[in-house]
Amino acid sequence: MTKTIPINYKIKQFTFDMTQQVLDLILDIQTSEFGISITKDLQPDLMNIQNFYQVGNGNFWCAFVEKTIVGTIGLLDIGNKQLALRKMFVRSNQRGTGIAKDLLNTAFAWAKQHGCSEIYLGTTEKFLAAHRFYEKTGFTLISDKQLPKTFPKMTVDTKFYMQNVDSYTFS
C-alpha cells in the first residue's frame, strides 16, 4: 500500500532555528533505527549547517509536516561544479509517501539552476532501502576510486553513487 504525502507538508530551506530538530531526527534514525555507532560530535556539519552546506553551490532543506521536521537533504559544494548529497533522511512513518523523492527533486532543481554537473553520494551497507531508492531514481553505483578527490568520504560509507544533473528525471 502506497502512503500519500500529508496535506500539511512542505519543504523549506534550512534556517538556524531548525538545528535541534535536524539533529534529533538524524541521530535517532542513525542510532536507534539502524544501530550505527555515531554521535553528533562525529558529525560537526550538523552543528554548523549554514556554514558547511549553505555555501557556494551547496544548500540544505527540511521536509515538514506541520511544525515537525520529517526529512532532510543536503548538498555540499565539492568544487568543479560537483556536489555531494549528504544527510538524506526521512522519518520511518513518512517513508513511501513521496517525501524522499520531493527532497531529491528539490536538490536536483537547485543543482541544475546553479549549473552543477554531477551529484555524488556515499552510504552505508545498512541502508538497503536507500540503495534501492537511489538506483530507482537514476543513480549509478560506482567504486570509491571513481569519486572526485574532493569528495568527503565518511568512515561509515561503503557504497557510492553518482548521477548526472542533466540526466535526472523529475517526477
N, C-alpha and C. Protein backbone atom coordinates (compact mmCIF):
# COMPACT_ATOMS: atom_id res chain seq x y z
N MET A 1 0.84 -1.19 0.00
CA MET A 1 0.00 0.00 0.00
C MET A 1 0.88 1.25 0.00
N THR A 2 0.67 2.13 -0.96
CA THR A 2 1.42 3.36 -1.04
C THR A 2 0.78 4.41 -0.14
N LYS A 3 1.61 5.04 0.65
CA LYS A 3 1.15 6.13 1.51
C LYS A 3 1.09 7.40 0.66
N THR A 4 0.35 8.37 1.12
CA THR A 4 0.29 9.65 0.41
C THR A 4 0.95 10.74 1.26
N ILE A 5 1.44 11.76 0.56
CA ILE A 5 2.06 12.88 1.25
C ILE A 5 0.99 13.59 2.08
N PRO A 6 1.31 13.91 3.33
CA PRO A 6 0.35 14.63 4.17
C PRO A 6 -0.02 15.98 3.55
N ILE A 7 -1.24 16.41 3.77
CA ILE A 7 -1.74 17.68 3.22
C ILE A 7 -0.94 18.86 3.76
N ASN A 8 -0.60 18.81 5.02
CA ASN A 8 0.08 19.93 5.68
C ASN A 8 1.61 19.76 5.63
N TYR A 9 2.13 19.44 4.46
CA TYR A 9 3.54 19.14 4.25
C TYR A 9 4.18 20.20 3.35
N LYS A 10 5.44 20.53 3.65
CA LYS A 10 6.19 21.45 2.78
C LYS A 10 7.68 21.26 2.98
N ILE A 11 8.45 21.65 1.99
CA ILE A 11 9.90 21.63 2.08
C ILE A 11 10.37 23.08 2.21
N LYS A 12 11.26 23.29 3.19
CA LYS A 12 11.80 24.63 3.43
C LYS A 12 13.32 24.56 3.44
N GLN A 13 13.92 25.64 2.97
CA GLN A 13 15.36 25.77 3.07
C GLN A 13 15.72 25.90 4.55
N PHE A 14 16.82 25.28 4.96
CA PHE A 14 17.25 25.28 6.35
C PHE A 14 17.53 26.69 6.86
N THR A 15 17.08 26.93 8.10
CA THR A 15 17.48 28.11 8.85
C THR A 15 17.96 27.64 10.23
N PHE A 16 18.76 28.46 10.89
CA PHE A 16 19.43 28.08 12.12
C PHE A 16 18.49 27.53 13.19
N ASP A 17 17.28 28.07 13.28
CA ASP A 17 16.34 27.62 14.31
C ASP A 17 15.89 26.17 14.14
N MET A 18 16.22 25.56 13.02
CA MET A 18 15.85 24.16 12.76
C MET A 18 16.92 23.18 13.25
N THR A 19 18.04 23.68 13.73
CA THR A 19 19.20 22.85 14.06
C THR A 19 18.86 21.69 14.99
N GLN A 20 18.22 21.95 16.10
CA GLN A 20 17.96 20.87 17.07
C GLN A 20 17.05 19.79 16.51
N GLN A 21 16.01 20.19 15.78
CA GLN A 21 15.13 19.18 15.18
C GLN A 21 15.87 18.33 14.14
N VAL A 22 16.74 18.95 13.35
CA VAL A 22 17.52 18.22 12.36
C VAL A 22 18.42 17.21 13.07
N LEU A 23 19.10 17.67 14.09
CA LEU A 23 20.00 16.80 14.86
C LEU A 23 19.24 15.63 15.47
N ASP A 24 18.10 15.92 16.09
CA ASP A 24 17.30 14.86 16.72
C ASP A 24 16.83 13.82 15.70
N LEU A 25 16.34 14.27 14.56
CA LEU A 25 15.85 13.36 13.53
C LEU A 25 16.97 12.46 13.01
N ILE A 26 18.07 13.06 12.62
CA ILE A 26 19.16 12.30 12.00
C ILE A 26 19.79 11.33 13.00
N LEU A 27 20.09 11.79 14.19
CA LEU A 27 20.70 10.90 15.18
C LEU A 27 19.78 9.75 15.56
N ASP A 28 18.49 10.01 15.67
CA ASP A 28 17.54 8.95 16.01
C ASP A 28 17.53 7.88 14.93
N ILE A 29 17.48 8.30 13.67
CA ILE A 29 17.47 7.33 12.56
C ILE A 29 18.79 6.54 12.53
N GLN A 30 19.90 7.25 12.67
CA GLN A 30 21.20 6.59 12.60
C GLN A 30 21.40 5.58 13.74
N THR A 31 21.12 6.02 14.95
CA THR A 31 21.45 5.19 16.11
C THR A 31 20.34 4.22 16.52
N SER A 32 19.13 4.72 16.67
CA SER A 32 18.03 3.88 17.15
C SER A 32 17.53 2.92 16.08
N GLU A 33 17.33 3.44 14.87
CA GLU A 33 16.75 2.62 13.83
C GLU A 33 17.76 1.68 13.17
N PHE A 34 18.98 2.20 12.91
CA PHE A 34 19.95 1.42 12.17
C PHE A 34 21.14 0.93 13.01
N GLY A 35 21.20 1.33 14.27
CA GLY A 35 22.25 0.84 15.15
C GLY A 35 23.65 1.27 14.77
N ILE A 36 23.77 2.42 14.11
CA ILE A 36 25.09 2.93 13.74
C ILE A 36 25.66 3.68 14.95
N SER A 37 26.87 3.35 15.29
CA SER A 37 27.52 3.97 16.44
C SER A 37 28.13 5.30 16.01
N ILE A 38 27.31 6.35 16.09
CA ILE A 38 27.75 7.68 15.67
C ILE A 38 27.11 8.71 16.59
N THR A 39 27.83 9.77 16.86
CA THR A 39 27.34 10.83 17.73
C THR A 39 27.33 12.15 16.97
N LYS A 40 26.74 13.16 17.60
CA LYS A 40 26.76 14.48 16.96
C LYS A 40 28.18 15.02 16.88
N ASP A 41 29.03 14.62 17.82
CA ASP A 41 30.42 15.08 17.80
C ASP A 41 31.18 14.55 16.59
N LEU A 42 30.76 13.41 16.08
CA LEU A 42 31.39 12.84 14.89
C LEU A 42 30.79 13.41 13.60
N GLN A 43 29.81 14.32 13.74
CA GLN A 43 29.14 14.95 12.60
C GLN A 43 29.08 16.46 12.82
N PRO A 44 30.24 17.13 12.86
CA PRO A 44 30.23 18.56 13.15
C PRO A 44 29.45 19.39 12.15
N ASP A 45 29.21 18.85 10.94
CA ASP A 45 28.41 19.56 9.94
C ASP A 45 27.01 19.84 10.44
N LEU A 46 26.47 18.97 11.29
CA LEU A 46 25.11 19.14 11.79
C LEU A 46 24.99 20.31 12.77
N MET A 47 26.08 20.70 13.36
CA MET A 47 26.04 21.82 14.29
C MET A 47 26.35 23.14 13.59
N ASN A 48 26.65 23.08 12.31
CA ASN A 48 27.03 24.28 11.57
C ASN A 48 26.56 24.19 10.12
N ILE A 49 25.29 23.84 9.94
CA ILE A 49 24.74 23.58 8.61
C ILE A 49 24.89 24.78 7.68
N GLN A 50 24.64 25.98 8.19
CA GLN A 50 24.71 27.16 7.33
C GLN A 50 26.11 27.38 6.75
N ASN A 51 27.12 27.19 7.56
CA ASN A 51 28.49 27.42 7.08
C ASN A 51 29.11 26.20 6.42
N PHE A 52 28.49 25.04 6.56
CA PHE A 52 29.01 23.82 5.95
C PHE A 52 28.33 23.55 4.61
N TYR A 53 27.01 23.59 4.60
CA TYR A 53 26.24 23.25 3.39
C TYR A 53 25.81 24.46 2.57
N GLN A 54 25.42 25.53 3.22
CA GLN A 54 24.82 26.65 2.51
C GLN A 54 25.86 27.66 2.05
N VAL A 55 26.88 27.15 1.39
CA VAL A 55 27.94 27.98 0.80
C VAL A 55 28.19 27.50 -0.63
N GLY A 56 28.69 28.40 -1.46
CA GLY A 56 28.94 28.05 -2.85
C GLY A 56 27.66 27.56 -3.51
N ASN A 57 27.72 26.41 -4.15
CA ASN A 57 26.55 25.82 -4.80
C ASN A 57 25.79 24.87 -3.89
N GLY A 58 26.16 24.80 -2.63
CA GLY A 58 25.50 23.89 -1.70
C GLY A 58 24.25 24.48 -1.07
N ASN A 59 23.48 23.61 -0.41
CA ASN A 59 22.29 24.05 0.33
C ASN A 59 21.80 22.89 1.18
N PHE A 60 20.78 23.15 1.98
CA PHE A 60 20.22 22.14 2.89
C PHE A 60 18.73 22.44 3.05
N TRP A 61 17.90 21.39 2.98
CA TRP A 61 16.46 21.55 3.08
C TRP A 61 15.88 20.58 4.10
N CYS A 62 14.72 20.97 4.62
CA CYS A 62 13.99 20.14 5.58
C CYS A 62 12.55 19.99 5.10
N ALA A 63 12.04 18.77 5.23
CA ALA A 63 10.63 18.50 4.93
C ALA A 63 9.87 18.56 6.25
N PHE A 64 8.78 19.29 6.25
CA PHE A 64 7.97 19.48 7.44
C PHE A 64 6.58 18.89 7.25
N VAL A 65 6.05 18.31 8.29
CA VAL A 65 4.63 18.03 8.41
C VAL A 65 4.21 18.86 9.61
N GLU A 66 3.38 19.85 9.33
CA GLU A 66 3.04 20.89 10.30
C GLU A 66 4.33 21.54 10.74
N LYS A 67 4.68 21.48 12.03
CA LYS A 67 5.90 22.15 12.50
C LYS A 67 7.02 21.17 12.83
N THR A 68 6.86 19.92 12.40
CA THR A 68 7.83 18.89 12.72
C THR A 68 8.64 18.49 11.49
N ILE A 69 9.95 18.48 11.64
CA ILE A 69 10.82 18.05 10.54
C ILE A 69 10.74 16.53 10.43
N VAL A 70 10.41 16.06 9.22
CA VAL A 70 10.29 14.62 8.97
C VAL A 70 11.30 14.14 7.93
N GLY A 71 12.07 15.06 7.36
CA GLY A 71 13.06 14.67 6.36
C GLY A 71 14.08 15.77 6.14
N THR A 72 15.27 15.36 5.67
CA THR A 72 16.34 16.31 5.39
C THR A 72 17.11 15.88 4.15
N ILE A 73 17.76 16.84 3.53
CA ILE A 73 18.69 16.57 2.44
C ILE A 73 19.65 17.75 2.35
N GLY A 74 20.92 17.43 2.10
CA GLY A 74 21.92 18.47 1.96
C GLY A 74 22.74 18.26 0.71
N LEU A 75 23.18 19.35 0.12
CA LEU A 75 24.13 19.32 -0.98
C LEU A 75 25.37 20.09 -0.54
N LEU A 76 26.50 19.43 -0.62
CA LEU A 76 27.77 20.04 -0.26
C LEU A 76 28.53 20.34 -1.54
N ASP A 77 28.95 21.59 -1.71
CA ASP A 77 29.73 22.00 -2.86
C ASP A 77 31.14 21.44 -2.70
N ILE A 78 31.55 20.56 -3.62
CA ILE A 78 32.90 19.97 -3.54
C ILE A 78 33.80 20.49 -4.66
N GLY A 79 33.36 21.57 -5.30
CA GLY A 79 34.16 22.21 -6.34
C GLY A 79 33.91 21.60 -7.71
N ASN A 80 34.42 22.25 -8.73
CA ASN A 80 34.34 21.78 -10.11
C ASN A 80 32.90 21.52 -10.57
N LYS A 81 31.95 22.30 -10.04
CA LYS A 81 30.52 22.15 -10.36
C LYS A 81 29.98 20.77 -9.96
N GLN A 82 30.60 20.15 -8.97
CA GLN A 82 30.16 18.86 -8.45
C GLN A 82 29.67 19.04 -7.03
N LEU A 83 28.71 18.18 -6.66
CA LEU A 83 28.11 18.25 -5.33
C LEU A 83 28.11 16.87 -4.68
N ALA A 84 28.14 16.88 -3.36
CA ALA A 84 27.97 15.64 -2.59
C ALA A 84 26.61 15.72 -1.92
N LEU A 85 25.79 14.70 -2.14
CA LEU A 85 24.49 14.61 -1.47
C LEU A 85 24.74 14.01 -0.10
N ARG A 86 24.30 14.71 0.93
CA ARG A 86 24.54 14.27 2.30
C ARG A 86 23.27 14.41 3.12
N LYS A 87 23.22 13.67 4.19
CA LYS A 87 22.18 13.78 5.23
C LYS A 87 20.76 13.67 4.67
N MET A 88 20.56 12.73 3.76
CA MET A 88 19.20 12.47 3.27
C MET A 88 18.56 11.45 4.19
N PHE A 89 17.61 11.92 4.97
CA PHE A 89 16.91 11.08 5.94
C PHE A 89 15.43 11.42 5.92
N VAL A 90 14.59 10.40 6.06
CA VAL A 90 13.15 10.59 6.19
C VAL A 90 12.67 9.71 7.34
N ARG A 91 11.90 10.31 8.22
CA ARG A 91 11.34 9.58 9.37
C ARG A 91 10.60 8.34 8.87
N SER A 92 10.74 7.24 9.57
CA SER A 92 10.21 5.95 9.11
C SER A 92 8.72 5.99 8.78
N ASN A 93 7.93 6.71 9.57
CA ASN A 93 6.48 6.74 9.31
C ASN A 93 6.10 7.62 8.11
N GLN A 94 7.08 8.29 7.51
CA GLN A 94 6.83 9.12 6.33
C GLN A 94 7.46 8.54 5.07
N ARG A 95 8.16 7.42 5.21
CA ARG A 95 8.75 6.79 4.04
C ARG A 95 7.65 6.19 3.18
N GLY A 96 7.85 6.23 1.88
CA GLY A 96 6.86 5.71 0.96
C GLY A 96 5.76 6.69 0.62
N THR A 97 5.87 7.92 1.11
CA THR A 97 4.84 8.93 0.83
C THR A 97 5.19 9.82 -0.36
N GLY A 98 6.44 9.78 -0.79
CA GLY A 98 6.90 10.69 -1.84
C GLY A 98 7.76 11.81 -1.31
N ILE A 99 7.89 11.91 0.00
CA ILE A 99 8.70 12.99 0.58
C ILE A 99 10.16 12.87 0.15
N ALA A 100 10.71 11.66 0.15
CA ALA A 100 12.11 11.48 -0.25
C ALA A 100 12.31 11.94 -1.69
N LYS A 101 11.40 11.58 -2.57
CA LYS A 101 11.51 11.99 -3.98
C LYS A 101 11.39 13.51 -4.11
N ASP A 102 10.50 14.12 -3.34
CA ASP A 102 10.38 15.58 -3.36
C ASP A 102 11.67 16.26 -2.88
N LEU A 103 12.28 15.70 -1.83
CA LEU A 103 13.55 16.25 -1.34
C LEU A 103 14.62 16.14 -2.44
N LEU A 104 14.67 14.98 -3.08
CA LEU A 104 15.65 14.78 -4.14
C LEU A 104 15.37 15.70 -5.33
N ASN A 105 14.10 15.86 -5.71
CA ASN A 105 13.73 16.80 -6.78
C ASN A 105 14.19 18.21 -6.44
N THR A 106 14.01 18.61 -5.19
CA THR A 106 14.42 19.94 -4.73
C THR A 106 15.92 20.11 -4.89
N ALA A 107 16.68 19.10 -4.48
CA ALA A 107 18.14 19.17 -4.58
C ALA A 107 18.60 19.23 -6.04
N PHE A 108 18.00 18.41 -6.90
CA PHE A 108 18.41 18.41 -8.31
C PHE A 108 17.98 19.69 -9.01
N ALA A 109 16.84 20.24 -8.66
CA ALA A 109 16.43 21.52 -9.26
C ALA A 109 17.43 22.62 -8.88
N TRP A 110 17.85 22.62 -7.64
CA TRP A 110 18.86 23.58 -7.17
C TRP A 110 20.17 23.39 -7.95
N ALA A 111 20.61 22.13 -8.05
CA ALA A 111 21.87 21.84 -8.74
C ALA A 111 21.81 22.29 -10.20
N LYS A 112 20.69 22.01 -10.85
CA LYS A 112 20.51 22.40 -12.25
C LYS A 112 20.52 23.93 -12.38
N GLN A 113 19.81 24.60 -11.50
CA GLN A 113 19.73 26.07 -11.51
C GLN A 113 21.11 26.69 -11.31
N HIS A 114 21.99 26.01 -10.58
CA HIS A 114 23.32 26.54 -10.28
C HIS A 114 24.40 25.99 -11.22
N GLY A 115 23.97 25.32 -12.29
CA GLY A 115 24.91 24.88 -13.32
C GLY A 115 25.84 23.75 -12.90
N CYS A 116 25.41 22.95 -11.95
CA CYS A 116 26.25 21.84 -11.49
C CYS A 116 26.11 20.65 -12.43
N SER A 117 27.15 19.81 -12.47
CA SER A 117 27.18 18.71 -13.44
C SER A 117 26.86 17.35 -12.85
N GLU A 118 27.40 17.03 -11.66
CA GLU A 118 27.16 15.72 -11.06
C GLU A 118 26.90 15.84 -9.58
N ILE A 119 26.15 14.85 -9.09
CA ILE A 119 25.93 14.71 -7.66
C ILE A 119 26.41 13.31 -7.27
N TYR A 120 27.26 13.26 -6.25
CA TYR A 120 27.81 12.02 -5.72
C TYR A 120 27.27 11.79 -4.32
N LEU A 121 27.24 10.53 -3.90
CA LEU A 121 26.85 10.26 -2.52
C LEU A 121 27.51 8.98 -2.04
N GLY A 122 27.67 8.92 -0.73
CA GLY A 122 28.15 7.73 -0.07
C GLY A 122 27.11 7.29 0.94
N THR A 123 27.01 5.98 1.13
CA THR A 123 26.02 5.46 2.07
C THR A 123 26.57 4.18 2.71
N THR A 124 25.95 3.78 3.77
CA THR A 124 26.36 2.57 4.47
C THR A 124 25.65 1.34 3.91
N GLU A 125 26.25 0.20 4.09
CA GLU A 125 25.65 -1.07 3.66
C GLU A 125 24.29 -1.31 4.30
N LYS A 126 24.05 -0.71 5.48
CA LYS A 126 22.83 -0.97 6.24
C LYS A 126 21.59 -0.33 5.64
N PHE A 127 21.76 0.70 4.82
CA PHE A 127 20.62 1.44 4.27
C PHE A 127 20.12 0.81 2.97
N LEU A 128 19.65 -0.43 3.05
CA LEU A 128 19.24 -1.17 1.85
C LEU A 128 18.11 -0.48 1.08
N ALA A 129 17.12 0.05 1.79
CA ALA A 129 16.03 0.75 1.12
C ALA A 129 16.55 2.00 0.41
N ALA A 130 17.53 2.65 1.01
CA ALA A 130 18.13 3.83 0.37
C ALA A 130 18.84 3.43 -0.92
N HIS A 131 19.53 2.29 -0.91
CA HIS A 131 20.20 1.83 -2.14
C HIS A 131 19.17 1.66 -3.26
N ARG A 132 18.06 1.01 -2.93
CA ARG A 132 17.01 0.80 -3.95
C ARG A 132 16.46 2.14 -4.44
N PHE A 133 16.25 3.06 -3.52
CA PHE A 133 15.73 4.38 -3.87
C PHE A 133 16.69 5.10 -4.82
N TYR A 134 17.97 5.13 -4.46
CA TYR A 134 18.94 5.83 -5.31
C TYR A 134 19.01 5.20 -6.70
N GLU A 135 19.03 3.88 -6.75
CA GLU A 135 19.10 3.21 -8.05
C GLU A 135 17.83 3.44 -8.86
N LYS A 136 16.69 3.44 -8.20
CA LYS A 136 15.41 3.68 -8.89
C LYS A 136 15.34 5.11 -9.46
N THR A 137 16.01 6.04 -8.81
CA THR A 137 15.96 7.43 -9.26
C THR A 137 17.12 7.78 -10.19
N GLY A 138 17.86 6.77 -10.66
CA GLY A 138 18.85 7.00 -11.70
C GLY A 138 20.29 7.09 -11.26
N PHE A 139 20.56 6.95 -9.98
CA PHE A 139 21.96 6.96 -9.54
C PHE A 139 22.64 5.67 -9.98
N THR A 140 23.91 5.78 -10.31
CA THR A 140 24.72 4.63 -10.73
C THR A 140 25.71 4.29 -9.62
N LEU A 141 25.79 3.03 -9.29
CA LEU A 141 26.76 2.56 -8.31
C LEU A 141 28.16 2.70 -8.90
N ILE A 142 29.07 3.30 -8.13
CA ILE A 142 30.45 3.49 -8.59
C ILE A 142 31.39 3.01 -7.49
N SER A 143 32.65 2.83 -7.83
CA SER A 143 33.64 2.48 -6.81
C SER A 143 34.16 3.76 -6.16
N ASP A 144 34.73 3.62 -4.99
CA ASP A 144 35.26 4.81 -4.32
C ASP A 144 36.41 5.43 -5.12
N LYS A 145 37.03 4.66 -6.00
CA LYS A 145 38.11 5.20 -6.84
C LYS A 145 37.58 6.12 -7.94
N GLN A 146 36.27 6.06 -8.20
CA GLN A 146 35.66 6.93 -9.21
C GLN A 146 35.15 8.25 -8.62
N LEU A 147 35.27 8.41 -7.32
CA LEU A 147 34.83 9.64 -6.66
C LEU A 147 35.81 10.77 -6.96
N PRO A 148 35.32 12.01 -7.04
CA PRO A 148 36.24 13.14 -7.16
C PRO A 148 37.16 13.17 -5.94
N LYS A 149 38.35 13.67 -6.11
CA LYS A 149 39.31 13.74 -5.00
C LYS A 149 38.78 14.58 -3.84
N THR A 150 37.90 15.52 -4.14
CA THR A 150 37.36 16.41 -3.12
C THR A 150 36.15 15.84 -2.39
N PHE A 151 35.70 14.64 -2.78
CA PHE A 151 34.53 14.04 -2.13
C PHE A 151 34.86 13.68 -0.69
N PRO A 152 34.03 14.12 0.26
CA PRO A 152 34.29 13.86 1.69
C PRO A 152 33.79 12.47 2.11
N LYS A 153 34.66 11.47 2.06
CA LYS A 153 34.26 10.12 2.45
C LYS A 153 34.12 10.03 3.96
N MET A 154 32.98 9.45 4.38
CA MET A 154 32.74 9.19 5.80
C MET A 154 33.18 7.77 6.09
N THR A 155 33.62 7.50 7.31
CA THR A 155 34.10 6.16 7.64
C THR A 155 33.01 5.11 7.54
N VAL A 156 31.73 5.50 7.75
CA VAL A 156 30.64 4.52 7.68
C VAL A 156 30.20 4.23 6.24
N ASP A 157 30.63 5.05 5.30
CA ASP A 157 30.21 4.88 3.91
C ASP A 157 31.02 3.79 3.21
N THR A 158 30.29 2.85 2.62
CA THR A 158 30.93 1.73 1.91
C THR A 158 30.39 1.57 0.49
N LYS A 159 29.29 2.25 0.17
CA LYS A 159 28.71 2.22 -1.18
C LYS A 159 28.64 3.66 -1.69
N PHE A 160 28.93 3.82 -2.97
CA PHE A 160 28.98 5.16 -3.54
C PHE A 160 28.20 5.19 -4.85
N TYR A 161 27.54 6.33 -5.07
CA TYR A 161 26.68 6.50 -6.24
C TYR A 161 26.97 7.85 -6.89
N MET A 162 26.58 7.95 -8.17
CA MET A 162 26.73 9.19 -8.92
C MET A 162 25.57 9.35 -9.88
N GLN A 163 25.17 10.60 -10.11
CA GLN A 163 24.09 10.91 -11.06
C GLN A 163 24.46 12.22 -11.76
N ASN A 164 24.34 12.24 -13.08
CA ASN A 164 24.50 13.48 -13.84
C ASN A 164 23.27 14.34 -13.62
N VAL A 165 23.47 15.61 -13.36
CA VAL A 165 22.36 16.53 -13.09
C VAL A 165 21.44 16.62 -14.31
N ASP A 166 22.02 16.75 -15.49
CA ASP A 166 21.19 16.93 -16.69
C ASP A 166 20.38 15.70 -17.05
N SER A 167 20.77 14.52 -16.61
CA SER A 167 20.02 13.32 -16.97
C SER A 167 19.02 12.90 -15.88
N TYR A 168 18.93 13.67 -14.80
CA TYR A 168 17.98 13.35 -13.74
C TYR A 168 16.56 13.55 -14.23
N THR A 169 15.69 12.61 -13.88
CA THR A 169 14.29 12.67 -14.28
C THR A 169 13.44 13.12 -13.10
N PHE A 170 12.81 14.28 -13.25
CA PHE A 170 11.92 14.81 -12.21
C PHE A 170 10.58 14.11 -12.30
N SER A 171 10.03 13.73 -11.15
CA SER A 171 8.69 13.14 -11.14
C SER A 171 7.99 13.46 -9.84
